[in-house]
C-alpha atoms as a PDB file:
ATOM      1  CA  UNK A   1     -11.453  13.600  11.146  1.00  0.00           C
ATOM      2  CA  UNK A   2      -8.451  13.149  12.652  1.00  0.00           C
ATOM      3  CA  UNK A   3      -5.950  12.084  10.264  1.00  0.00           C
ATOM      4  CA  UNK A   4      -4.996   8.650   9.675  1.00  0.00           C
ATOM      5  CA  UNK A   5      -1.876   6.349  10.644  1.00  0.00           C
ATOM      6  CA  UNK A   6      -0.148   5.152   7.682  1.00  0.00           C
ATOM      7  CA  UNK A   7       2.140   2.131   8.909  1.00  0.00           C
ATOM      8  CA  UNK A   8       4.777   0.063   6.510  1.00  0.00           C
ATOM      9  CA  UNK A   9       3.981  -3.709   6.971  1.00  0.00           C
ATOM     10  CA  UNK A  10       7.048  -5.628   8.526  1.00  0.00           C
ATOM     11  CA  UNK A  11       7.561  -9.437   7.940  1.00  0.00           C
ATOM     12  CA  UNK A  12       8.571 -11.311  11.008  1.00  0.00           C
ATOM     13  CA  UNK A  13      11.894 -10.440  10.248  1.00  0.00           C
ATOM     14  CA  UNK A  14      11.632  -6.765  10.305  1.00  0.00           C
ATOM     15  CA  UNK A  15      11.836  -6.785   6.589  1.00  0.00           C
ATOM     16  CA  UNK A  16       9.937  -3.976   4.951  1.00  0.00           C
ATOM     17  CA  UNK A  17       8.592  -4.409   1.735  1.00  0.00           C
ATOM     18  CA  UNK A  18       7.556  -0.809   0.890  1.00  0.00           C
ATOM     19  CA  UNK A  19      11.239   0.580   2.669  1.00  0.00           C
ATOM     20  CA  UNK A  20      12.840  -1.554  -0.083  1.00  0.00           C
ATOM     21  CA  UNK A  21      10.561  -0.537  -2.618  1.00  0.00           C
ATOM     22  CA  UNK A  22      10.679   3.092  -1.761  1.00  0.00           C
ATOM     23  CA  UNK A  23      14.990   2.813  -1.132  1.00  0.00           C
ATOM     24  CA  UNK A  24      15.171   1.250  -5.208  1.00  0.00           C
ATOM     25  CA  UNK A  25      13.878   4.176  -6.858  1.00  0.00           C
ATOM     26  CA  UNK A  26      15.467   7.434  -7.780  1.00  0.00           C
ATOM     27  CA  UNK A  27      14.223  10.333  -5.131  1.00  0.00           C
ATOM     28  CA  UNK A  28      11.932  11.899  -7.380  1.00  0.00           C
ATOM     29  CA  UNK A  29       9.509   8.591  -7.392  1.00  0.00           C
ATOM     30  CA  UNK A  30       9.904   7.841  -4.039  1.00  0.00           C
ATOM     31  CA  UNK A  31       9.042  11.048  -2.946  1.00  0.00           C
ATOM     32  CA  UNK A  32       5.937  11.613  -5.501  1.00  0.00           C
ATOM     33  CA  UNK A  33       4.715   7.961  -3.661  1.00  0.00           C
ATOM     34  CA  UNK A  34       4.963   9.588  -0.163  1.00  0.00           C
ATOM     35  CA  UNK A  35       3.056  12.317  -1.379  1.00  0.00           C
ATOM     36  CA  UNK A  36       0.329   9.357  -2.379  1.00  0.00           C
ATOM     37  CA  UNK A  37       0.369   8.406   0.873  1.00  0.00           C
ATOM     38  CA  UNK A  38      -0.040  11.314   2.867  1.00  0.00           C
ATOM     39  CA  UNK A  39      -3.323  11.965   0.609  1.00  0.00           C
ATOM     40  CA  UNK A  40      -4.539   8.551   2.038  1.00  0.00           C
ATOM     41  CA  UNK A  41      -3.748   9.671   5.761  1.00  0.00           C
ATOM     42  CA  UNK A  42      -4.857  13.569   5.523  1.00  0.00           C
ATOM     43  CA  UNK A  43      -7.814  13.312   3.691  1.00  0.00           C
ATOM     44  CA  UNK A  44     -10.825  12.014   4.270  1.00  0.00           C
ATOM     45  CA  UNK A  45     -12.130  11.185   1.169  1.00  0.00           C
ATOM     46  CA  UNK A  46      -9.729  10.040  -1.209  1.00  0.00           C
ATOM     47  CA  UNK A  47     -10.361  10.344  -4.603  1.00  0.00           C
ATOM     48  CA  UNK A  48     -10.920   7.028  -6.127  1.00  0.00           C
ATOM     49  CA  UNK A  49      -8.158   8.205  -9.093  1.00  0.00           C
ATOM     50  CA  UNK A  50      -5.151   8.257  -5.950  1.00  0.00           C
ATOM     51  CA  UNK A  51      -7.087   4.813  -4.228  1.00  0.00           C
ATOM     52  CA  UNK A  52     -10.012   1.936  -4.844  1.00  0.00           C
ATOM     53  CA  UNK A  53     -10.491  -1.001  -3.177  1.00  0.00           C
ATOM     54  CA  UNK A  54      -9.791  -3.957  -5.560  1.00  0.00           C
ATOM     55  CA  UNK A  55     -12.321  -6.297  -6.541  1.00  0.00           C
ATOM     56  CA  UNK A  56     -12.431 -10.198  -5.652  1.00  0.00           C
ATOM     57  CA  UNK A  57      -9.579  -9.673  -3.073  1.00  0.00           C
ATOM     58  CA  UNK A  58      -9.556  -9.814   0.915  1.00  0.00           C
ATOM     59  CA  UNK A  59     -10.174  -6.336   0.923  1.00  0.00           C
ATOM     60  CA  UNK A  60      -6.825  -5.194  -0.857  1.00  0.00           C
ATOM     61  CA  UNK A  61      -6.239  -1.429  -1.816  1.00  0.00           C
ATOM     62  CA  UNK A  62      -4.580   0.122  -4.159  1.00  0.00           C
ATOM     63  CA  UNK A  63      -3.430   3.419  -4.080  1.00  0.00           C
ATOM     64  CA  UNK A  64      -2.459   5.010  -7.255  1.00  0.00           C
ATOM     65  CA  UNK A  65       0.106   7.431  -8.740  1.00  0.00           C
ATOM     66  CA  UNK A  66       1.390   8.489 -12.088  1.00  0.00           C
ATOM     67  CA  UNK A  67       4.858   9.758 -12.836  1.00  0.00           C
ATOM     68  CA  UNK A  68       5.738  10.251 -16.334  1.00  0.00           C
ATOM     69  CA  UNK A  69       5.014   6.973 -18.840  1.00  0.00           C
ATOM     70  CA  UNK A  70       5.447   5.269 -14.920  1.00  0.00           C
ATOM     71  CA  UNK A  71       2.303   4.211 -13.222  1.00  0.00           C
ATOM     72  CA  UNK A  72       3.802   3.099  -8.977  1.00  0.00           C
ATOM     73  CA  UNK A  73       1.022   0.579  -7.311  1.00  0.00           C
ATOM     74  CA  UNK A  74       0.562   0.543  -3.586  1.00  0.00           C
ATOM     75  CA  UNK A  75      -1.361  -2.046  -1.770  1.00  0.00           C
ATOM     76  CA  UNK A  76      -2.593  -2.391   1.914  1.00  0.00           C
ATOM     77  CA  UNK A  77      -5.589  -2.561   3.061  1.00  0.00           C
ATOM     78  CA  UNK A  78      -6.974  -0.428   5.987  1.00  0.00           C
ATOM     79  CA  UNK A  79      -7.541  -1.397   9.617  1.00  0.00           C
ATOM     80  CA  UNK A  80      -9.588   1.212  12.031  1.00  0.00           C
ATOM     81  CA  UNK A  81      -8.044   4.456  11.111  1.00  0.00           C
ATOM     82  CA  UNK A  82      -4.487   2.550   9.974  1.00  0.00           C
ATOM     83  CA  UNK A  83      -3.626   2.139   6.641  1.00  0.00           C
ATOM     84  CA  UNK A  84      -1.107  -0.714   6.504  1.00  0.00           C
ATOM     85  CA  UNK A  85       1.048  -0.649   3.290  1.00  0.00           C
ATOM     86  CA  UNK A  86       1.666  -4.022   2.396  1.00  0.00           C
ATOM     87  CA  UNK A  87       3.621  -3.696  -0.839  1.00  0.00           C
ATOM     88  CA  UNK A  88       4.453  -1.962  -3.847  1.00  0.00           C
ATOM     89  CA  UNK A  89       5.153  -2.011  -7.523  1.00  0.00           C
ATOM     90  CA  UNK A  90       5.145  -0.351 -11.126  1.00  0.00           C
ATOM     91  CA  UNK A  91       2.400  -1.675 -12.945  1.00  0.00           C
ATOM     92  CA  UNK A  92       3.127  -2.644 -16.592  1.00  0.00           C
ATOM     93  CA  UNK A  93      -0.242  -4.148 -17.399  1.00  0.00           C
ATOM     94  CA  UNK A  94      -3.664  -3.014 -17.777  1.00  0.00           C
ATOM     95  CA  UNK A  95      -4.895  -5.368 -14.655  1.00  0.00           C
ATOM     96  CA  UNK A  96      -2.719  -5.423 -11.257  1.00  0.00           C
ATOM     97  CA  UNK A  97      -0.436  -8.490 -11.258  1.00  0.00           C
ATOM     98  CA  UNK A  98      -2.032 -11.337  -9.731  1.00  0.00           C
ATOM     99  CA  UNK A  99       0.864 -11.789  -7.806  1.00  0.00           C
ATOM    100  CA  UNK A 100       1.100  -8.670  -6.654  1.00  0.00           C
ATOM    101  CA  UNK A 101      -2.546  -9.063  -5.044  1.00  0.00           C
ATOM    102  CA  UNK A 102      -1.247 -12.846  -3.279  1.00  0.00           C
ATOM    103  CA  UNK A 103       1.761 -10.754  -2.083  1.00  0.00           C
ATOM    104  CA  UNK A 104      -0.736  -8.273  -0.337  1.00  0.00           C
ATOM    105  CA  UNK A 105      -3.082 -11.025   1.048  1.00  0.00           C
ATOM    106  CA  UNK A 106      -0.984 -12.875   2.720  1.00  0.00           C
ATOM    107  CA  UNK A 107       0.769  -9.846   4.310  1.00  0.00           C
ATOM    108  CA  UNK A 108      -2.397  -8.873   5.234  1.00  0.00           C
ATOM    109  CA  UNK A 109      -3.322 -12.182   7.035  1.00  0.00           C
ATOM    110  CA  UNK A 110       0.366 -12.668   8.593  1.00  0.00           C
ATOM    111  CA  UNK A 111      -0.451  -8.974   9.925  1.00  0.00           C
ATOM    112  CA  UNK A 112      -4.211 -10.143  11.245  1.00  0.00           C
ATOM    113  CA  UNK A 113      -2.549 -13.125  12.737  1.00  0.00           C
ATOM    114  CA  UNK A 114      -0.064 -11.575  14.550  1.00  0.00           C
ATOM    115  CA  UNK A 115      -1.877  -8.599  15.715  1.00  0.00           C
ATOM    116  CA  UNK A 116      -4.507 -11.587  17.467  1.00  0.00           C
ATOM    117  CA  UNK A 117      -1.238 -12.952  19.329  1.00  0.00           C
ATOM    118  CA  UNK A 118       0.328  -9.727  20.257  1.00  0.00           C
ATOM    119  CA  UNK A 119      -2.821  -8.064  21.771  1.00  0.00           C
END
């Protein structure tokens, strides 16, 4: 299988929530998240401890990485051979925060709508 493509979602105004999140992190933490996205890109079957579909969502997946005491999450969805990374956060509780899931679902709807109009 050819590698998947990792696409960073951009808003209609060109903002990229994942880039902004990565830019806010120390280099070591940002590199680990990039490493995680590389797993999604390169592995046919990503181990569930790194990538898991969130139950009760509109096809939102959570990619997960631990770095010391910090747990990082990148949310996104699959479209063909692409993983569209919508947003990311530092996880501070057991459950994935509902607002983070809602952001990912809103970005997915926006992406889908713009994909239809742009052919």
